[in-house]
Structure formats: C-alpha cells, structure tokens
Amino acid sequence: MAKWLVKTEPAEFSWEDLESAGRAVWDGVRNPAALKNLRAMAPGDGVVVYHSGAERAAVGRAAVSAAAYPDPNAGDPRLVVVDLEPAQRLARPVSLAVLKADPAFAGSPLVLQGRLSVVPLTEEQWHRVLALGGSN
C-alpha cells in the first residue's frame, strides 16, 4: 500500500474537523501534479495529514477509504477527490523544519515542491514522520 502526505489549511479544514466527521471528502485540489497523486490513491493507503499556513506541521494519520472519483461539486471532470478516515492523532506535531532537517526527506517533494498539496511518501519517510510524531 502506498503512503501519502496531504496538506490542509486548518482554518479551512483541520485534523479536528476530520476527527469529528469520521470520514471526509478530500477536495479542493487543483494542481495537476497533486491531482495525479490523488488519482493514484487506493483504499487502505496511509495518509499523513499536515497543517499548512502558520502551523506547518504533520498532525495526524489517516487512511484512504475511497479511491479517486470526480469531484461532485466542481463541474470539471479533470478534478477528483478521495475520501479519508482519521486513524490517529500524532502524539506531537512534526514541524516542517524538523522534516526538512531529516535526511529521509532530502529528496522529497515535500521539501523540494513546497506548494504541492498531495505528496507521495516512501516507506522510510512514512515510518520516520510517525516516529517523530510519537506514533506507530
């Protein structure tokens, strides 16, 4: 199963919102590279939820519960969404500064393409961010 990191502005939709909802449509993605990554997601894939904006930190672990499908609110067949379910809040947020300093993330789009909202993670990166966040 693949691993991903998705970014969200917490004022728009936060980790807490995902926890409260129990399942949510992950929408609003417009960047072609991020959309390609969304289309590659499959049910059961692991997802790190990252708060962008002022916070800039990984805050929780989720899972893809429905593969990509056309965004029902977009009116554009090129735009897709996935459904996510929360799994676990990280015991402590993992800041972007910590991730950038970690050698496991040296070649990651997370640090090389800062505005990319859906980022693939290697197994090593997945385990590393969870370890840094105090989770399994």
N, C-alpha and C. Protein backbone atom coordinates (compact mmCIF):
# COMPACT_ATOMS: atom_id res chain seq x y z
N MET A 1 0.83 -1.19 0.00
CA MET A 1 0.00 0.00 0.00
C MET A 1 0.88 1.25 0.00
N ALA A 2 0.43 2.22 -0.71
CA ALA A 2 1.18 3.47 -0.85
C ALA A 2 0.97 4.36 0.38
N LYS A 3 1.84 5.31 0.53
CA LYS A 3 1.78 6.28 1.63
C LYS A 3 1.81 7.68 1.05
N TRP A 4 1.10 8.60 1.69
CA TRP A 4 0.92 9.95 1.18
C TRP A 4 0.96 10.95 2.32
N LEU A 5 1.20 12.21 1.97
CA LEU A 5 1.02 13.33 2.88
C LEU A 5 0.09 14.31 2.17
N VAL A 6 -0.95 14.74 2.85
CA VAL A 6 -1.87 15.74 2.30
C VAL A 6 -1.83 16.97 3.17
N LYS A 7 -1.83 18.11 2.52
CA LYS A 7 -1.79 19.39 3.24
C LYS A 7 -3.17 20.01 3.28
N THR A 8 -3.46 20.66 4.39
CA THR A 8 -4.70 21.39 4.53
C THR A 8 -4.46 22.64 5.36
N GLU A 9 -5.17 23.68 5.03
CA GLU A 9 -5.15 24.90 5.84
C GLU A 9 -6.11 24.66 6.99
N PRO A 10 -5.63 24.64 8.24
CA PRO A 10 -6.51 24.28 9.36
C PRO A 10 -7.72 25.20 9.53
N ALA A 11 -7.65 26.43 9.07
CA ALA A 11 -8.82 27.32 9.15
C ALA A 11 -9.92 26.87 8.19
N GLU A 12 -9.53 26.16 7.12
CA GLU A 12 -10.48 25.65 6.13
C GLU A 12 -11.02 24.28 6.54
N PHE A 13 -10.11 23.36 6.86
CA PHE A 13 -10.47 22.00 7.27
C PHE A 13 -9.29 21.43 8.04
N SER A 14 -9.46 21.21 9.32
CA SER A 14 -8.37 20.79 10.19
C SER A 14 -8.43 19.30 10.51
N TRP A 15 -7.38 18.82 11.16
CA TRP A 15 -7.37 17.45 11.67
C TRP A 15 -8.58 17.22 12.58
N GLU A 16 -8.87 18.20 13.41
CA GLU A 16 -10.01 18.09 14.32
C GLU A 16 -11.32 17.94 13.55
N ASP A 17 -11.43 18.65 12.43
CA ASP A 17 -12.62 18.51 11.58
C ASP A 17 -12.74 17.09 11.03
N LEU A 18 -11.61 16.53 10.61
CA LEU A 18 -11.61 15.17 10.09
C LEU A 18 -12.00 14.18 11.19
N GLU A 19 -11.45 14.37 12.38
CA GLU A 19 -11.81 13.50 13.50
C GLU A 19 -13.31 13.60 13.80
N SER A 20 -13.84 14.80 13.83
CA SER A 20 -15.26 15.00 14.12
C SER A 20 -16.15 14.37 13.06
N ALA A 21 -15.75 14.50 11.81
CA ALA A 21 -16.56 13.97 10.71
C ALA A 21 -16.50 12.44 10.65
N GLY A 22 -15.36 11.86 11.01
CA GLY A 22 -15.19 10.42 10.93
C GLY A 22 -14.86 9.93 9.53
N ARG A 23 -15.21 10.69 8.54
CA ARG A 23 -14.90 10.41 7.13
C ARG A 23 -15.17 11.70 6.38
N ALA A 24 -14.29 12.04 5.45
CA ALA A 24 -14.47 13.30 4.73
C ALA A 24 -14.00 13.18 3.29
N VAL A 25 -14.63 13.95 2.44
CA VAL A 25 -14.21 14.09 1.06
C VAL A 25 -13.02 15.06 1.04
N TRP A 26 -11.89 14.61 0.50
CA TRP A 26 -10.71 15.46 0.40
C TRP A 26 -10.76 16.15 -0.95
N ASP A 27 -11.17 17.41 -0.93
CA ASP A 27 -11.40 18.14 -2.18
C ASP A 27 -10.58 19.42 -2.21
N GLY A 28 -10.79 20.20 -3.25
CA GLY A 28 -10.12 21.49 -3.36
C GLY A 28 -8.77 21.44 -4.05
N VAL A 29 -8.34 20.27 -4.50
CA VAL A 29 -7.04 20.12 -5.14
C VAL A 29 -7.16 20.54 -6.60
N ARG A 30 -6.28 21.43 -7.06
CA ARG A 30 -6.32 21.93 -8.43
C ARG A 30 -5.01 21.73 -9.18
N ASN A 31 -3.91 21.59 -8.47
CA ASN A 31 -2.60 21.44 -9.09
C ASN A 31 -2.53 20.11 -9.85
N PRO A 32 -2.09 20.12 -11.12
CA PRO A 32 -2.04 18.88 -11.90
C PRO A 32 -1.21 17.76 -11.26
N ALA A 33 -0.06 18.09 -10.68
CA ALA A 33 0.77 17.05 -10.04
C ALA A 33 0.07 16.48 -8.81
N ALA A 34 -0.57 17.34 -8.04
CA ALA A 34 -1.31 16.87 -6.85
C ALA A 34 -2.51 16.03 -7.27
N LEU A 35 -3.19 16.42 -8.35
CA LEU A 35 -4.32 15.63 -8.85
C LEU A 35 -3.85 14.25 -9.33
N LYS A 36 -2.69 14.20 -9.96
CA LYS A 36 -2.13 12.91 -10.38
C LYS A 36 -1.91 12.02 -9.17
N ASN A 37 -1.39 12.60 -8.09
CA ASN A 37 -1.18 11.84 -6.86
C ASN A 37 -2.51 11.37 -6.26
N LEU A 38 -3.52 12.25 -6.27
CA LEU A 38 -4.85 11.84 -5.77
C LEU A 38 -5.38 10.65 -6.57
N ARG A 39 -5.22 10.69 -7.89
CA ARG A 39 -5.72 9.60 -8.74
C ARG A 39 -5.01 8.28 -8.45
N ALA A 40 -3.79 8.35 -7.92
CA ALA A 40 -3.02 7.14 -7.61
C ALA A 40 -3.39 6.53 -6.26
N MET A 41 -4.14 7.25 -5.44
CA MET A 41 -4.51 6.75 -4.12
C MET A 41 -5.50 5.59 -4.22
N ALA A 42 -5.36 4.64 -3.30
CA ALA A 42 -6.24 3.47 -3.27
C ALA A 42 -6.74 3.25 -1.84
N PRO A 43 -7.91 2.65 -1.70
CA PRO A 43 -8.40 2.36 -0.35
C PRO A 43 -7.36 1.58 0.45
N GLY A 44 -7.18 2.02 1.69
CA GLY A 44 -6.21 1.40 2.58
C GLY A 44 -4.86 2.09 2.60
N ASP A 45 -4.58 2.94 1.62
CA ASP A 45 -3.32 3.69 1.63
C ASP A 45 -3.25 4.55 2.88
N GLY A 46 -2.04 4.68 3.43
CA GLY A 46 -1.82 5.52 4.59
C GLY A 46 -1.62 6.98 4.19
N VAL A 47 -2.10 7.88 5.05
CA VAL A 47 -2.03 9.31 4.77
C VAL A 47 -1.60 10.06 6.03
N VAL A 48 -0.61 10.91 5.89
CA VAL A 48 -0.25 11.85 6.96
C VAL A 48 -0.96 13.15 6.64
N VAL A 49 -1.69 13.67 7.62
CA VAL A 49 -2.38 14.95 7.45
C VAL A 49 -1.46 16.04 8.02
N TYR A 50 -1.26 17.06 7.21
CA TYR A 50 -0.31 18.13 7.50
C TYR A 50 -1.06 19.45 7.48
N HIS A 51 -0.91 20.22 8.56
CA HIS A 51 -1.50 21.57 8.60
C HIS A 51 -0.52 22.55 7.97
N SER A 52 -0.97 23.24 6.93
CA SER A 52 -0.15 24.25 6.27
C SER A 52 -0.37 25.60 6.96
N GLY A 53 -0.04 26.66 6.26
CA GLY A 53 -0.22 28.00 6.84
C GLY A 53 0.77 28.26 7.95
N ALA A 54 0.31 28.89 8.99
CA ALA A 54 1.19 29.29 10.10
C ALA A 54 1.72 28.09 10.88
N GLU A 55 0.95 27.01 10.94
CA GLU A 55 1.35 25.86 11.76
C GLU A 55 2.47 25.04 11.12
N ARG A 56 2.33 24.66 9.86
CA ARG A 56 3.33 23.89 9.11
C ARG A 56 3.83 22.68 9.88
N ALA A 57 2.93 21.71 10.10
CA ALA A 57 3.32 20.51 10.85
C ALA A 57 2.41 19.35 10.50
N ALA A 58 3.00 18.15 10.51
CA ALA A 58 2.22 16.92 10.39
C ALA A 58 1.52 16.72 11.72
N VAL A 59 0.21 16.41 11.68
CA VAL A 59 -0.56 16.35 12.91
C VAL A 59 -1.34 15.05 13.12
N GLY A 60 -1.52 14.25 12.07
CA GLY A 60 -2.31 13.04 12.24
C GLY A 60 -2.09 12.03 11.13
N ARG A 61 -2.60 10.82 11.40
CA ARG A 61 -2.52 9.73 10.43
C ARG A 61 -3.94 9.33 10.05
N ALA A 62 -4.16 9.18 8.75
CA ALA A 62 -5.47 8.81 8.23
C ALA A 62 -5.30 7.69 7.22
N ALA A 63 -6.43 7.25 6.66
CA ALA A 63 -6.40 6.23 5.62
C ALA A 63 -7.35 6.62 4.50
N VAL A 64 -6.98 6.25 3.29
CA VAL A 64 -7.87 6.45 2.15
C VAL A 64 -8.99 5.43 2.27
N SER A 65 -10.23 5.90 2.24
CA SER A 65 -11.37 4.99 2.35
C SER A 65 -12.13 4.85 1.03
N ALA A 66 -11.91 5.73 0.09
CA ALA A 66 -12.48 5.61 -1.25
C ALA A 66 -11.50 6.19 -2.25
N ALA A 67 -11.24 5.44 -3.31
CA ALA A 67 -10.32 5.87 -4.36
C ALA A 67 -10.86 7.11 -5.06
N ALA A 68 -10.03 7.71 -5.86
CA ALA A 68 -10.38 8.95 -6.56
C ALA A 68 -11.64 8.78 -7.40
N TYR A 69 -12.47 9.81 -7.33
CA TYR A 69 -13.68 9.88 -8.15
C TYR A 69 -13.91 11.34 -8.50
N PRO A 70 -14.68 11.63 -9.56
CA PRO A 70 -14.88 13.02 -9.97
C PRO A 70 -15.46 13.87 -8.84
N ASP A 71 -14.92 15.07 -8.69
CA ASP A 71 -15.40 16.00 -7.67
C ASP A 71 -16.85 16.36 -7.99
N PRO A 72 -17.79 15.97 -7.13
CA PRO A 72 -19.20 16.20 -7.43
C PRO A 72 -19.59 17.68 -7.44
N ASN A 73 -18.75 18.54 -6.90
CA ASN A 73 -19.08 19.97 -6.83
C ASN A 73 -18.30 20.83 -7.80
N ALA A 74 -17.42 20.22 -8.59
CA ALA A 74 -16.52 21.02 -9.42
C ALA A 74 -17.05 21.32 -10.81
N GLY A 75 -17.82 20.41 -11.39
CA GLY A 75 -18.27 20.62 -12.76
C GLY A 75 -17.15 20.50 -13.78
N ASP A 76 -16.03 19.89 -13.39
CA ASP A 76 -14.88 19.71 -14.26
C ASP A 76 -14.40 18.28 -14.08
N PRO A 77 -14.51 17.43 -15.10
CA PRO A 77 -14.16 16.02 -14.95
C PRO A 77 -12.69 15.76 -14.64
N ARG A 78 -11.85 16.76 -14.85
CA ARG A 78 -10.42 16.58 -14.54
C ARG A 78 -10.16 16.64 -13.04
N LEU A 79 -11.06 17.25 -12.28
CA LEU A 79 -10.87 17.40 -10.84
C LEU A 79 -11.45 16.20 -10.11
N VAL A 80 -10.63 15.62 -9.23
CA VAL A 80 -11.04 14.44 -8.49
C VAL A 80 -10.90 14.68 -6.99
N VAL A 81 -11.54 13.81 -6.23
CA VAL A 81 -11.47 13.83 -4.77
C VAL A 81 -11.25 12.39 -4.30
N VAL A 82 -10.86 12.23 -3.05
CA VAL A 82 -10.81 10.93 -2.39
C VAL A 82 -11.51 11.09 -1.05
N ASP A 83 -11.86 9.98 -0.44
CA ASP A 83 -12.42 10.00 0.92
C ASP A 83 -11.35 9.54 1.88
N LEU A 84 -11.24 10.24 3.00
CA LEU A 84 -10.28 9.91 4.05
C LEU A 84 -11.00 9.65 5.36
N GLU A 85 -10.43 8.74 6.16
CA GLU A 85 -10.90 8.49 7.51
C GLU A 85 -9.74 8.68 8.47
N PRO A 86 -9.98 9.34 9.60
CA PRO A 86 -8.89 9.54 10.56
C PRO A 86 -8.51 8.21 11.22
N ALA A 87 -7.23 8.05 11.51
CA ALA A 87 -6.77 6.86 12.21
C ALA A 87 -6.23 7.23 13.60
N GLN A 88 -5.31 8.20 13.64
CA GLN A 88 -4.68 8.53 14.92
C GLN A 88 -4.05 9.93 14.85
N ARG A 89 -4.31 10.71 15.87
CA ARG A 89 -3.62 11.99 16.02
C ARG A 89 -2.19 11.69 16.42
N LEU A 90 -1.23 12.41 15.86
CA LEU A 90 0.15 12.24 16.31
C LEU A 90 0.29 12.74 17.74
N ALA A 91 1.10 12.07 18.53
CA ALA A 91 1.29 12.46 19.93
C ALA A 91 1.87 13.87 20.03
N ARG A 92 2.67 14.22 19.04
CA ARG A 92 3.21 15.58 18.97
C ARG A 92 3.33 15.96 17.50
N PRO A 93 3.00 17.21 17.17
CA PRO A 93 3.13 17.67 15.78
C PRO A 93 4.59 17.59 15.33
N VAL A 94 4.78 17.33 14.05
CA VAL A 94 6.13 17.28 13.47
C VAL A 94 6.24 18.45 12.51
N SER A 95 7.06 19.42 12.88
CA SER A 95 7.15 20.65 12.10
C SER A 95 7.89 20.44 10.78
N LEU A 96 7.61 21.33 9.85
CA LEU A 96 8.30 21.31 8.57
C LEU A 96 9.80 21.46 8.77
N ALA A 97 10.21 22.28 9.70
CA ALA A 97 11.64 22.47 9.97
C ALA A 97 12.29 21.15 10.37
N VAL A 98 11.61 20.36 11.19
CA VAL A 98 12.15 19.06 11.61
C VAL A 98 12.23 18.12 10.41
N LEU A 99 11.19 18.11 9.58
CA LEU A 99 11.19 17.24 8.40
C LEU A 99 12.28 17.65 7.42
N LYS A 100 12.45 18.94 7.21
CA LYS A 100 13.49 19.42 6.29
C LYS A 100 14.89 19.04 6.78
N ALA A 101 15.08 18.99 8.09
CA ALA A 101 16.38 18.67 8.66
C ALA A 101 16.66 17.17 8.66
N ASP A 102 15.65 16.36 8.46
CA ASP A 102 15.80 14.90 8.50
C ASP A 102 16.28 14.39 7.14
N PRO A 103 17.38 13.64 7.10
CA PRO A 103 17.91 13.14 5.84
C PRO A 103 16.92 12.28 5.03
N ALA A 104 15.97 11.66 5.68
CA ALA A 104 14.99 10.82 4.97
C ALA A 104 14.14 11.64 4.00
N PHE A 105 14.04 12.94 4.24
CA PHE A 105 13.18 13.80 3.42
C PHE A 105 13.97 14.67 2.43
N ALA A 106 15.26 14.43 2.31
CA ALA A 106 16.12 15.28 1.48
C ALA A 106 15.61 15.39 0.04
N GLY A 107 15.16 14.30 -0.56
CA GLY A 107 14.71 14.34 -1.95
C GLY A 107 13.21 14.38 -2.11
N SER A 108 12.50 14.58 -1.02
CA SER A 108 11.04 14.53 -1.04
C SER A 108 10.43 15.77 -1.70
N PRO A 109 9.34 15.57 -2.46
CA PRO A 109 8.60 16.72 -2.97
C PRO A 109 8.10 17.63 -1.84
N LEU A 110 7.98 17.09 -0.65
CA LEU A 110 7.56 17.90 0.50
C LEU A 110 8.50 19.08 0.71
N VAL A 111 9.79 18.85 0.53
CA VAL A 111 10.76 19.94 0.73
C VAL A 111 11.20 20.57 -0.58
N LEU A 112 11.07 19.84 -1.69
CA LEU A 112 11.51 20.38 -2.99
C LEU A 112 10.40 21.14 -3.72
N GLN A 113 9.15 20.77 -3.47
CA GLN A 113 8.00 21.42 -4.12
C GLN A 113 7.03 21.84 -3.02
N GLY A 114 7.38 22.85 -2.29
CA GLY A 114 6.66 23.26 -1.10
C GLY A 114 5.17 23.51 -1.27
N ARG A 115 4.72 23.85 -2.46
CA ARG A 115 3.30 24.17 -2.64
C ARG A 115 2.47 22.97 -3.09
N LEU A 116 3.10 21.81 -3.25
CA LEU A 116 2.39 20.60 -3.66
C LEU A 116 1.55 20.09 -2.49
N SER A 117 0.24 19.96 -2.69
CA SER A 117 -0.67 19.64 -1.57
C SER A 117 -0.90 18.16 -1.34
N VAL A 118 -0.47 17.31 -2.28
CA VAL A 118 -0.58 15.86 -2.12
C VAL A 118 0.77 15.29 -2.51
N VAL A 119 1.48 14.70 -1.54
CA VAL A 119 2.86 14.30 -1.71
C VAL A 119 3.01 12.81 -1.43
N PRO A 120 3.65 12.06 -2.35
CA PRO A 120 3.92 10.65 -2.03
C PRO A 120 5.02 10.55 -0.99
N LEU A 121 4.92 9.55 -0.14
CA LEU A 121 5.95 9.28 0.86
C LEU A 121 6.51 7.89 0.62
N THR A 122 7.81 7.74 0.83
CA THR A 122 8.41 6.40 0.80
C THR A 122 8.07 5.71 2.13
N GLU A 123 8.28 4.41 2.18
CA GLU A 123 8.07 3.69 3.45
C GLU A 123 8.94 4.28 4.55
N GLU A 124 10.20 4.59 4.20
CA GLU A 124 11.11 5.17 5.20
C GLU A 124 10.56 6.50 5.72
N GLN A 125 10.09 7.36 4.81
CA GLN A 125 9.55 8.66 5.23
C GLN A 125 8.31 8.48 6.09
N TRP A 126 7.44 7.55 5.70
CA TRP A 126 6.23 7.26 6.47
C TRP A 126 6.58 6.89 7.91
N HIS A 127 7.47 5.92 8.05
CA HIS A 127 7.85 5.46 9.40
C HIS A 127 8.57 6.57 10.16
N ARG A 128 9.35 7.35 9.46
CA ARG A 128 10.10 8.42 10.12
C ARG A 128 9.17 9.50 10.68
N VAL A 129 8.21 9.97 9.88
CA VAL A 129 7.31 11.02 10.36
C VAL A 129 6.47 10.49 11.52
N LEU A 130 6.05 9.23 11.45
CA LEU A 130 5.28 8.68 12.57
C LEU A 130 6.14 8.55 13.83
N ALA A 131 7.38 8.14 13.66
CA ALA A 131 8.28 8.05 14.81
C ALA A 131 8.53 9.43 15.41
N LEU A 132 8.78 10.41 14.57
CA LEU A 132 9.00 11.78 15.06
C LEU A 132 7.76 12.32 15.77
N GLY A 133 6.59 11.86 15.32
CA GLY A 133 5.34 12.29 15.94
C GLY A 133 4.92 11.45 17.13
N GLY A 134 5.74 10.46 17.49
CA GLY A 134 5.43 9.64 18.66
C GLY A 134 4.33 8.62 18.43
N SER A 135 4.15 8.20 17.17
CA SER A 135 3.10 7.23 16.83
C SER A 135 3.73 6.05 16.08
N ASN A 136 2.94 5.02 15.91
CA ASN A 136 3.43 3.83 15.18
C ASN A 136 2.99 3.89 13.75
